N, C-alpha and C. Protein backbone atom coordinates (compact mmCIF):
# COMPACT_ATOMS: atom_id res chain seq x y z
N MET A 1 -6.68 -0.09 -19.07
CA MET A 1 -7.57 -1.26 -18.91
C MET A 1 -7.05 -2.30 -19.80
N ASP A 2 -6.97 -3.55 -19.21
CA ASP A 2 -6.47 -4.64 -20.04
C ASP A 2 -7.35 -5.85 -19.88
N ASP A 3 -7.13 -6.78 -20.77
CA ASP A 3 -8.03 -7.98 -20.84
C ASP A 3 -7.98 -8.80 -19.60
N LYS A 4 -6.88 -8.79 -18.86
CA LYS A 4 -6.82 -9.58 -17.59
C LYS A 4 -7.84 -9.09 -16.61
N ILE A 5 -7.96 -7.74 -16.48
CA ILE A 5 -8.91 -7.21 -15.55
C ILE A 5 -10.34 -7.37 -16.05
N LEU A 6 -10.53 -7.18 -17.38
CA LEU A 6 -11.89 -7.32 -17.99
C LEU A 6 -12.40 -8.73 -17.84
N LYS A 7 -11.56 -9.72 -17.81
CA LYS A 7 -11.98 -11.13 -17.62
C LYS A 7 -12.72 -11.23 -16.31
N TYR A 8 -12.21 -10.54 -15.25
CA TYR A 8 -12.96 -10.56 -13.95
C TYR A 8 -14.19 -9.64 -13.93
N VAL A 9 -14.16 -8.58 -14.64
CA VAL A 9 -15.29 -7.70 -14.77
C VAL A 9 -16.45 -8.42 -15.37
N LYS A 10 -16.17 -9.20 -16.42
CA LYS A 10 -17.28 -9.95 -17.05
C LYS A 10 -17.98 -10.87 -16.12
N GLN A 11 -17.28 -11.35 -15.05
CA GLN A 11 -17.87 -12.31 -14.13
C GLN A 11 -18.62 -11.63 -12.98
N ALA A 12 -18.51 -10.27 -12.90
CA ALA A 12 -19.06 -9.55 -11.75
C ALA A 12 -20.46 -9.03 -12.07
N ASP A 13 -21.30 -9.04 -11.02
CA ASP A 13 -22.66 -8.45 -11.12
C ASP A 13 -22.53 -6.88 -11.14
N GLU A 14 -21.48 -6.44 -10.48
CA GLU A 14 -21.30 -5.02 -10.40
C GLU A 14 -19.80 -4.76 -10.07
N VAL A 15 -19.24 -3.65 -10.45
CA VAL A 15 -17.89 -3.25 -10.05
C VAL A 15 -17.98 -2.05 -9.16
N TRP A 16 -17.25 -2.04 -8.08
CA TRP A 16 -17.21 -0.90 -7.17
C TRP A 16 -15.74 -0.34 -7.23
N HIS A 17 -15.61 0.88 -7.59
CA HIS A 17 -14.29 1.55 -7.74
C HIS A 17 -14.05 2.49 -6.60
N ALA A 18 -12.90 2.34 -5.94
CA ALA A 18 -12.61 3.17 -4.74
C ALA A 18 -11.79 4.45 -5.08
N GLY A 19 -11.89 4.92 -6.29
CA GLY A 19 -11.24 6.11 -6.68
C GLY A 19 -9.92 6.03 -7.35
N ASP A 20 -9.40 7.20 -7.79
CA ASP A 20 -8.21 7.28 -8.67
C ASP A 20 -8.51 6.50 -9.95
N ILE A 21 -9.59 6.86 -10.58
CA ILE A 21 -10.04 6.29 -11.81
C ILE A 21 -9.06 6.63 -12.99
N GLY A 22 -8.63 7.87 -12.95
CA GLY A 22 -7.63 8.25 -13.92
C GLY A 22 -8.26 8.78 -15.24
N LYS A 23 -8.71 7.88 -16.08
CA LYS A 23 -9.30 8.25 -17.33
C LYS A 23 -10.74 7.69 -17.43
N ARG A 24 -11.60 8.43 -18.02
CA ARG A 24 -12.98 8.02 -18.19
C ARG A 24 -13.13 6.76 -18.96
N GLU A 25 -12.15 6.51 -19.81
CA GLU A 25 -12.16 5.29 -20.66
C GLU A 25 -12.17 4.02 -19.74
N VAL A 26 -11.57 4.12 -18.60
CA VAL A 26 -11.56 2.99 -17.57
C VAL A 26 -12.98 2.61 -17.28
N ILE A 27 -13.80 3.59 -16.89
CA ILE A 27 -15.21 3.35 -16.51
C ILE A 27 -15.97 2.86 -17.75
N THR A 28 -15.75 3.52 -18.89
CA THR A 28 -16.43 3.12 -20.06
C THR A 28 -16.24 1.62 -20.43
N ALA A 29 -14.96 1.17 -20.31
CA ALA A 29 -14.69 -0.23 -20.63
C ALA A 29 -15.39 -1.19 -19.65
N ILE A 30 -15.49 -0.76 -18.37
CA ILE A 30 -16.16 -1.64 -17.39
C ILE A 30 -17.69 -1.56 -17.64
N GLU A 31 -18.21 -0.40 -17.91
CA GLU A 31 -19.67 -0.17 -18.06
C GLU A 31 -20.24 -0.99 -19.28
N THR A 32 -19.36 -1.25 -20.20
CA THR A 32 -19.84 -2.07 -21.35
C THR A 32 -20.12 -3.51 -20.93
N LEU A 33 -19.62 -3.90 -19.77
CA LEU A 33 -19.75 -5.29 -19.28
C LEU A 33 -20.67 -5.48 -18.08
N THR A 34 -20.67 -4.44 -17.21
CA THR A 34 -21.43 -4.58 -15.96
C THR A 34 -21.59 -3.19 -15.33
N PRO A 35 -22.60 -2.95 -14.50
CA PRO A 35 -22.74 -1.61 -13.82
C PRO A 35 -21.57 -1.32 -12.90
N VAL A 36 -21.34 0.01 -12.74
CA VAL A 36 -20.25 0.54 -11.93
C VAL A 36 -20.78 1.45 -10.87
N LYS A 37 -20.33 1.32 -9.67
CA LYS A 37 -20.49 2.26 -8.55
C LYS A 37 -19.12 2.73 -8.16
N GLY A 38 -18.93 3.94 -7.79
CA GLY A 38 -17.62 4.38 -7.37
C GLY A 38 -17.63 5.75 -6.74
N VAL A 39 -16.36 6.20 -6.50
CA VAL A 39 -16.12 7.47 -5.96
C VAL A 39 -14.93 8.04 -6.69
N TYR A 40 -14.69 9.38 -6.61
CA TYR A 40 -13.51 9.94 -7.25
C TYR A 40 -12.38 9.89 -6.20
N GLY A 41 -11.19 9.94 -6.82
CA GLY A 41 -9.98 9.95 -6.00
C GLY A 41 -9.21 11.21 -6.14
N ASN A 42 -8.11 11.37 -5.41
CA ASN A 42 -7.40 12.64 -5.48
C ASN A 42 -6.70 12.87 -6.79
N ILE A 43 -6.54 11.89 -7.71
CA ILE A 43 -5.91 12.21 -8.97
C ILE A 43 -6.95 12.50 -10.06
N ASP A 44 -8.19 12.34 -9.76
CA ASP A 44 -9.28 12.45 -10.77
C ASP A 44 -9.60 13.87 -11.09
N ASP A 45 -9.89 14.11 -12.39
CA ASP A 45 -10.12 15.44 -12.90
C ASP A 45 -11.59 15.88 -12.63
N ALA A 46 -11.92 17.12 -13.02
CA ALA A 46 -13.17 17.73 -12.77
C ALA A 46 -14.36 16.89 -13.42
N LYS A 47 -14.14 16.37 -14.55
CA LYS A 47 -15.20 15.58 -15.23
C LYS A 47 -15.54 14.33 -14.42
N ILE A 48 -14.54 13.64 -13.97
CA ILE A 48 -14.84 12.44 -13.13
C ILE A 48 -15.44 12.83 -11.78
N ARG A 49 -14.99 13.96 -11.22
CA ARG A 49 -15.56 14.47 -9.96
C ARG A 49 -17.00 14.86 -10.11
N GLN A 50 -17.42 15.30 -11.29
CA GLN A 50 -18.84 15.63 -11.57
C GLN A 50 -19.68 14.37 -11.64
N GLU A 51 -19.10 13.32 -12.11
CA GLU A 51 -19.84 12.05 -12.30
C GLU A 51 -19.89 11.20 -11.11
N PHE A 52 -18.81 11.14 -10.33
CA PHE A 52 -18.74 10.30 -9.14
C PHE A 52 -18.63 11.12 -7.84
N PRO A 53 -19.25 10.68 -6.80
CA PRO A 53 -19.25 11.48 -5.52
C PRO A 53 -17.93 11.15 -4.72
N LEU A 54 -17.72 11.96 -3.68
CA LEU A 54 -16.64 11.74 -2.73
C LEU A 54 -16.87 10.52 -1.91
N HIS A 55 -18.20 10.39 -1.52
CA HIS A 55 -18.63 9.25 -0.63
C HIS A 55 -19.80 8.62 -1.42
N ASN A 56 -19.92 7.27 -1.37
CA ASN A 56 -21.00 6.56 -1.93
C ASN A 56 -21.45 5.56 -0.87
N ARG A 57 -22.61 5.82 -0.36
CA ARG A 57 -23.19 4.99 0.71
C ARG A 57 -24.49 4.38 0.18
N PHE A 58 -24.59 3.05 0.19
CA PHE A 58 -25.76 2.39 -0.38
C PHE A 58 -25.92 0.98 0.21
N TYR A 59 -26.97 0.38 -0.09
CA TYR A 59 -27.24 -1.02 0.34
C TYR A 59 -27.08 -1.97 -0.83
N CYS A 60 -26.44 -3.04 -0.64
CA CYS A 60 -26.35 -4.23 -1.55
C CYS A 60 -26.96 -5.38 -0.78
N GLU A 61 -28.15 -5.73 -1.26
CA GLU A 61 -28.96 -6.68 -0.49
C GLU A 61 -29.13 -6.19 0.94
N GLY A 62 -28.74 -6.97 1.96
CA GLY A 62 -28.87 -6.56 3.33
C GLY A 62 -27.62 -5.97 3.96
N VAL A 63 -26.65 -5.56 3.11
CA VAL A 63 -25.39 -5.01 3.61
C VAL A 63 -25.29 -3.55 3.27
N GLU A 64 -25.10 -2.67 4.30
CA GLU A 64 -24.86 -1.27 4.02
C GLU A 64 -23.37 -1.14 3.68
N VAL A 65 -23.12 -0.50 2.57
CA VAL A 65 -21.77 -0.26 2.08
C VAL A 65 -21.41 1.23 2.04
N TRP A 66 -20.24 1.57 2.43
CA TRP A 66 -19.73 2.93 2.27
C TRP A 66 -18.42 2.86 1.56
N ILE A 67 -18.36 3.58 0.44
CA ILE A 67 -17.10 3.62 -0.38
C ILE A 67 -16.60 5.09 -0.35
N THR A 68 -15.38 5.27 -0.05
CA THR A 68 -14.72 6.60 -0.15
C THR A 68 -13.26 6.35 -0.53
N HIS A 69 -12.61 7.39 -1.07
CA HIS A 69 -11.26 7.16 -1.51
C HIS A 69 -10.26 7.24 -0.35
N ILE A 70 -10.25 8.38 0.38
CA ILE A 70 -9.30 8.54 1.50
C ILE A 70 -10.05 8.30 2.79
N GLY A 71 -10.14 7.05 3.20
CA GLY A 71 -10.91 6.68 4.33
C GLY A 71 -10.17 6.31 5.56
N GLY A 72 -8.91 5.87 5.40
CA GLY A 72 -8.13 5.35 6.53
C GLY A 72 -8.47 3.89 6.88
N TYR A 73 -8.08 3.51 8.05
CA TYR A 73 -8.23 2.12 8.47
C TYR A 73 -8.83 2.11 9.89
N PRO A 74 -9.35 0.98 10.34
CA PRO A 74 -9.82 0.88 11.71
C PRO A 74 -8.80 1.34 12.67
N GLY A 75 -9.24 2.26 13.58
CA GLY A 75 -8.30 2.84 14.54
C GLY A 75 -7.56 4.06 13.97
N ARG A 76 -7.54 4.22 12.68
CA ARG A 76 -6.87 5.36 12.00
C ARG A 76 -7.70 5.91 10.82
N TYR A 77 -8.94 6.18 11.08
CA TYR A 77 -9.82 6.72 10.03
C TYR A 77 -9.44 8.14 9.73
N ASN A 78 -9.72 8.58 8.53
CA ASN A 78 -9.53 9.93 8.10
C ASN A 78 -10.41 10.83 9.09
N SER A 79 -9.79 11.91 9.50
CA SER A 79 -10.45 12.82 10.47
C SER A 79 -11.79 13.35 9.96
N GLU A 80 -11.94 13.47 8.66
CA GLU A 80 -13.20 14.02 8.13
C GLU A 80 -14.35 13.05 8.19
N ILE A 81 -14.09 11.78 8.40
CA ILE A 81 -15.15 10.80 8.47
C ILE A 81 -15.30 10.06 9.82
N ARG A 82 -14.25 10.24 10.65
CA ARG A 82 -14.14 9.48 11.85
C ARG A 82 -15.41 9.53 12.71
N SER A 83 -15.99 10.71 12.98
CA SER A 83 -17.11 10.74 13.88
C SER A 83 -18.32 10.08 13.23
N GLU A 84 -18.53 10.20 11.95
CA GLU A 84 -19.64 9.58 11.23
C GLU A 84 -19.51 8.01 11.26
N ILE A 85 -18.26 7.58 11.08
CA ILE A 85 -18.09 6.13 11.00
C ILE A 85 -18.32 5.45 12.35
N TYR A 86 -17.97 6.21 13.41
CA TYR A 86 -18.21 5.67 14.79
C TYR A 86 -19.72 5.82 15.18
N ALA A 87 -20.36 6.87 14.74
CA ALA A 87 -21.75 7.11 15.11
C ALA A 87 -22.68 6.27 14.28
N ASN A 88 -22.35 6.00 13.01
CA ASN A 88 -23.21 5.30 12.10
C ASN A 88 -22.44 4.38 11.17
N PRO A 89 -21.82 3.34 11.70
CA PRO A 89 -20.94 2.46 10.89
C PRO A 89 -21.75 1.69 9.87
N PRO A 90 -21.21 1.55 8.65
CA PRO A 90 -21.79 0.58 7.71
C PRO A 90 -21.32 -0.82 8.05
N LYS A 91 -21.83 -1.83 7.39
CA LYS A 91 -21.34 -3.21 7.58
C LYS A 91 -20.02 -3.39 6.79
N LEU A 92 -19.95 -2.70 5.63
CA LEU A 92 -18.77 -2.84 4.80
C LEU A 92 -18.26 -1.45 4.41
N PHE A 93 -17.00 -1.17 4.76
CA PHE A 93 -16.38 0.13 4.46
C PHE A 93 -15.18 -0.14 3.51
N ILE A 94 -15.28 0.48 2.37
CA ILE A 94 -14.20 0.32 1.32
C ILE A 94 -13.59 1.63 1.04
N SER A 95 -12.25 1.64 1.09
CA SER A 95 -11.51 2.86 0.81
C SER A 95 -10.35 2.46 -0.08
N GLY A 96 -9.72 3.47 -0.77
CA GLY A 96 -8.59 3.25 -1.62
C GLY A 96 -7.41 4.07 -1.13
N HIS A 97 -6.79 4.76 -2.03
CA HIS A 97 -5.76 5.76 -1.84
C HIS A 97 -4.37 5.22 -1.51
N SER A 98 -4.24 4.31 -0.59
CA SER A 98 -2.94 3.84 -0.16
C SER A 98 -2.20 2.96 -1.12
N HIS A 99 -2.92 2.32 -2.06
CA HIS A 99 -2.41 1.35 -2.95
C HIS A 99 -1.97 0.06 -2.29
N ILE A 100 -2.32 -0.07 -0.99
CA ILE A 100 -1.96 -1.23 -0.14
C ILE A 100 -3.22 -2.07 0.13
N LEU A 101 -3.24 -3.30 -0.37
CA LEU A 101 -4.32 -4.14 -0.17
C LEU A 101 -4.44 -4.51 1.35
N LYS A 102 -5.61 -4.33 1.90
CA LYS A 102 -5.81 -4.64 3.31
C LYS A 102 -7.25 -4.95 3.55
N VAL A 103 -7.53 -6.03 4.31
CA VAL A 103 -8.87 -6.37 4.71
C VAL A 103 -8.82 -6.65 6.20
N MET A 104 -9.67 -5.98 6.96
CA MET A 104 -9.60 -6.16 8.40
C MET A 104 -10.98 -5.85 9.03
N HIS A 105 -11.26 -6.45 10.15
CA HIS A 105 -12.47 -6.12 10.93
C HIS A 105 -12.16 -5.00 11.89
N ASP A 106 -13.07 -4.13 12.05
CA ASP A 106 -12.99 -3.10 13.08
C ASP A 106 -13.74 -3.60 14.31
N LYS A 107 -12.99 -3.96 15.32
CA LYS A 107 -13.64 -4.57 16.56
C LYS A 107 -14.50 -3.55 17.24
N LYS A 108 -14.17 -2.26 17.14
CA LYS A 108 -14.91 -1.22 17.84
C LYS A 108 -16.31 -0.98 17.22
N THR A 109 -16.41 -1.04 15.87
CA THR A 109 -17.66 -0.75 15.21
C THR A 109 -18.36 -2.00 14.64
N GLY A 110 -17.56 -3.06 14.48
CA GLY A 110 -18.09 -4.30 13.88
C GLY A 110 -18.08 -4.30 12.36
N LEU A 111 -17.64 -3.25 11.73
CA LEU A 111 -17.59 -3.19 10.24
C LEU A 111 -16.45 -4.01 9.72
N LEU A 112 -16.54 -4.38 8.46
CA LEU A 112 -15.47 -4.99 7.69
C LEU A 112 -14.88 -3.95 6.78
N HIS A 113 -13.58 -3.70 6.93
CA HIS A 113 -12.85 -2.76 6.13
C HIS A 113 -12.12 -3.46 4.99
N MET A 114 -12.23 -2.89 3.76
CA MET A 114 -11.47 -3.44 2.60
C MET A 114 -10.83 -2.28 1.88
N ASN A 115 -9.56 -2.49 1.58
CA ASN A 115 -8.87 -1.65 0.62
C ASN A 115 -8.35 -2.59 -0.46
N PRO A 116 -8.79 -2.46 -1.71
CA PRO A 116 -8.47 -3.36 -2.73
C PRO A 116 -7.06 -3.23 -3.29
N GLY A 117 -6.30 -2.23 -2.78
CA GLY A 117 -4.96 -2.02 -3.34
C GLY A 117 -5.08 -1.13 -4.57
N ALA A 118 -4.38 -1.61 -5.64
CA ALA A 118 -4.45 -0.77 -6.88
C ALA A 118 -4.36 -1.75 -8.09
N ALA A 119 -5.25 -1.64 -9.00
CA ALA A 119 -5.29 -2.47 -10.23
C ALA A 119 -4.65 -1.76 -11.41
N GLY A 120 -4.35 -0.44 -11.26
CA GLY A 120 -3.79 0.31 -12.35
C GLY A 120 -2.29 0.08 -12.58
N ILE A 121 -1.84 0.62 -13.69
CA ILE A 121 -0.40 0.41 -13.99
C ILE A 121 0.48 1.56 -13.41
N TYR A 122 -0.14 2.63 -12.96
CA TYR A 122 0.65 3.73 -12.40
C TYR A 122 0.60 3.70 -10.88
N GLY A 123 1.70 4.16 -10.29
CA GLY A 123 1.81 4.17 -8.80
C GLY A 123 2.99 3.35 -8.36
N PHE A 124 3.25 3.38 -7.09
CA PHE A 124 4.42 2.72 -6.48
C PHE A 124 4.22 1.21 -6.24
N HIS A 125 2.99 0.70 -6.33
CA HIS A 125 2.68 -0.66 -6.03
C HIS A 125 3.47 -1.60 -7.05
N GLN A 126 3.90 -2.72 -6.52
CA GLN A 126 4.64 -3.69 -7.36
C GLN A 126 3.75 -4.74 -7.97
N VAL A 127 2.58 -4.96 -7.33
CA VAL A 127 1.64 -5.97 -7.82
C VAL A 127 0.31 -5.28 -7.89
N ARG A 128 -0.37 -5.45 -9.04
CA ARG A 128 -1.77 -4.88 -9.15
C ARG A 128 -2.72 -5.85 -8.50
N THR A 129 -3.64 -5.29 -7.74
CA THR A 129 -4.57 -6.14 -7.00
C THR A 129 -6.01 -5.55 -7.05
N MET A 130 -6.94 -6.47 -6.84
CA MET A 130 -8.34 -6.15 -6.68
C MET A 130 -8.96 -7.20 -5.81
N LEU A 131 -10.16 -6.94 -5.34
CA LEU A 131 -10.89 -7.89 -4.46
C LEU A 131 -12.17 -8.28 -5.15
N ARG A 132 -12.59 -9.52 -4.97
CA ARG A 132 -13.92 -9.91 -5.36
C ARG A 132 -14.58 -10.73 -4.24
N PHE A 133 -15.84 -10.61 -4.17
CA PHE A 133 -16.56 -11.30 -3.03
C PHE A 133 -18.03 -11.37 -3.42
N VAL A 134 -18.76 -12.12 -2.60
CA VAL A 134 -20.22 -12.28 -2.81
C VAL A 134 -20.91 -11.67 -1.61
N ILE A 135 -22.00 -10.97 -1.94
CA ILE A 135 -22.94 -10.49 -0.85
C ILE A 135 -24.23 -11.22 -1.10
N GLU A 136 -24.66 -11.91 -0.06
CA GLU A 136 -25.88 -12.73 -0.12
C GLU A 136 -26.66 -12.44 1.10
N GLY A 137 -27.80 -11.68 0.96
CA GLY A 137 -28.58 -11.29 2.11
C GLY A 137 -27.71 -10.32 2.94
N GLU A 138 -27.42 -10.70 4.19
CA GLU A 138 -26.59 -9.87 5.07
C GLU A 138 -25.21 -10.45 5.24
N THR A 139 -24.82 -11.37 4.33
CA THR A 139 -23.55 -12.06 4.51
C THR A 139 -22.58 -11.62 3.36
N ILE A 140 -21.36 -11.38 3.78
CA ILE A 140 -20.30 -11.12 2.81
C ILE A 140 -19.41 -12.41 2.89
N ARG A 141 -19.24 -13.00 1.66
CA ARG A 141 -18.48 -14.30 1.69
C ARG A 141 -17.63 -14.46 0.42
N ASP A 142 -16.89 -15.54 0.42
CA ASP A 142 -16.04 -15.88 -0.71
C ASP A 142 -15.14 -14.77 -1.13
N LEU A 143 -14.53 -14.09 -0.17
CA LEU A 143 -13.51 -13.04 -0.50
C LEU A 143 -12.33 -13.63 -1.21
N GLU A 144 -11.96 -13.00 -2.27
CA GLU A 144 -10.82 -13.45 -3.06
C GLU A 144 -9.91 -12.29 -3.44
N VAL A 145 -8.63 -12.45 -3.25
CA VAL A 145 -7.63 -11.40 -3.75
C VAL A 145 -7.20 -11.85 -5.14
N VAL A 146 -7.30 -10.91 -6.05
CA VAL A 146 -6.86 -11.15 -7.44
C VAL A 146 -5.61 -10.30 -7.64
N GLU A 147 -4.54 -10.95 -8.10
CA GLU A 147 -3.26 -10.29 -8.32
C GLU A 147 -2.84 -10.37 -9.78
N PHE A 148 -2.25 -9.29 -10.25
CA PHE A 148 -1.72 -9.20 -11.63
C PHE A 148 -0.25 -8.67 -11.48
N LYS A 149 0.61 -9.14 -12.34
CA LYS A 149 1.93 -8.53 -12.37
C LYS A 149 1.81 -7.17 -12.98
N LYS A 150 2.69 -6.29 -12.50
CA LYS A 150 2.65 -4.91 -13.03
C LYS A 150 3.39 -4.85 -14.28
């Protein structure tokens, strides 16, 4: 965790983490500034898996949100969630795992898919990224990509 990221954390009402937390200290640093919702990722240890679920589905104002680590993309969802996402899609679906920042609408379900990329220093990504946006009522707006040099 570094001051560049914490600068943005201080501005957020809440941080949503899409998994691969790595060390509990990451969450501790964020929690001192703002509440955290998240899921565990495939690199996370048993302690983090006890604290965070595999799937986190909740409402933020009028927007149903589903966060999971290995979720896939519109048209290529993970086989373990595919039937649920088509039968009961959220308005906002956030997944991680790929370390590739991607935001796209799913025309079949109407949901908005976001993958924030990776803000950590480990992994194959060349640029550290995260997303920030505003939810107001049922509207998701002011989406911004935040980039940091690795």
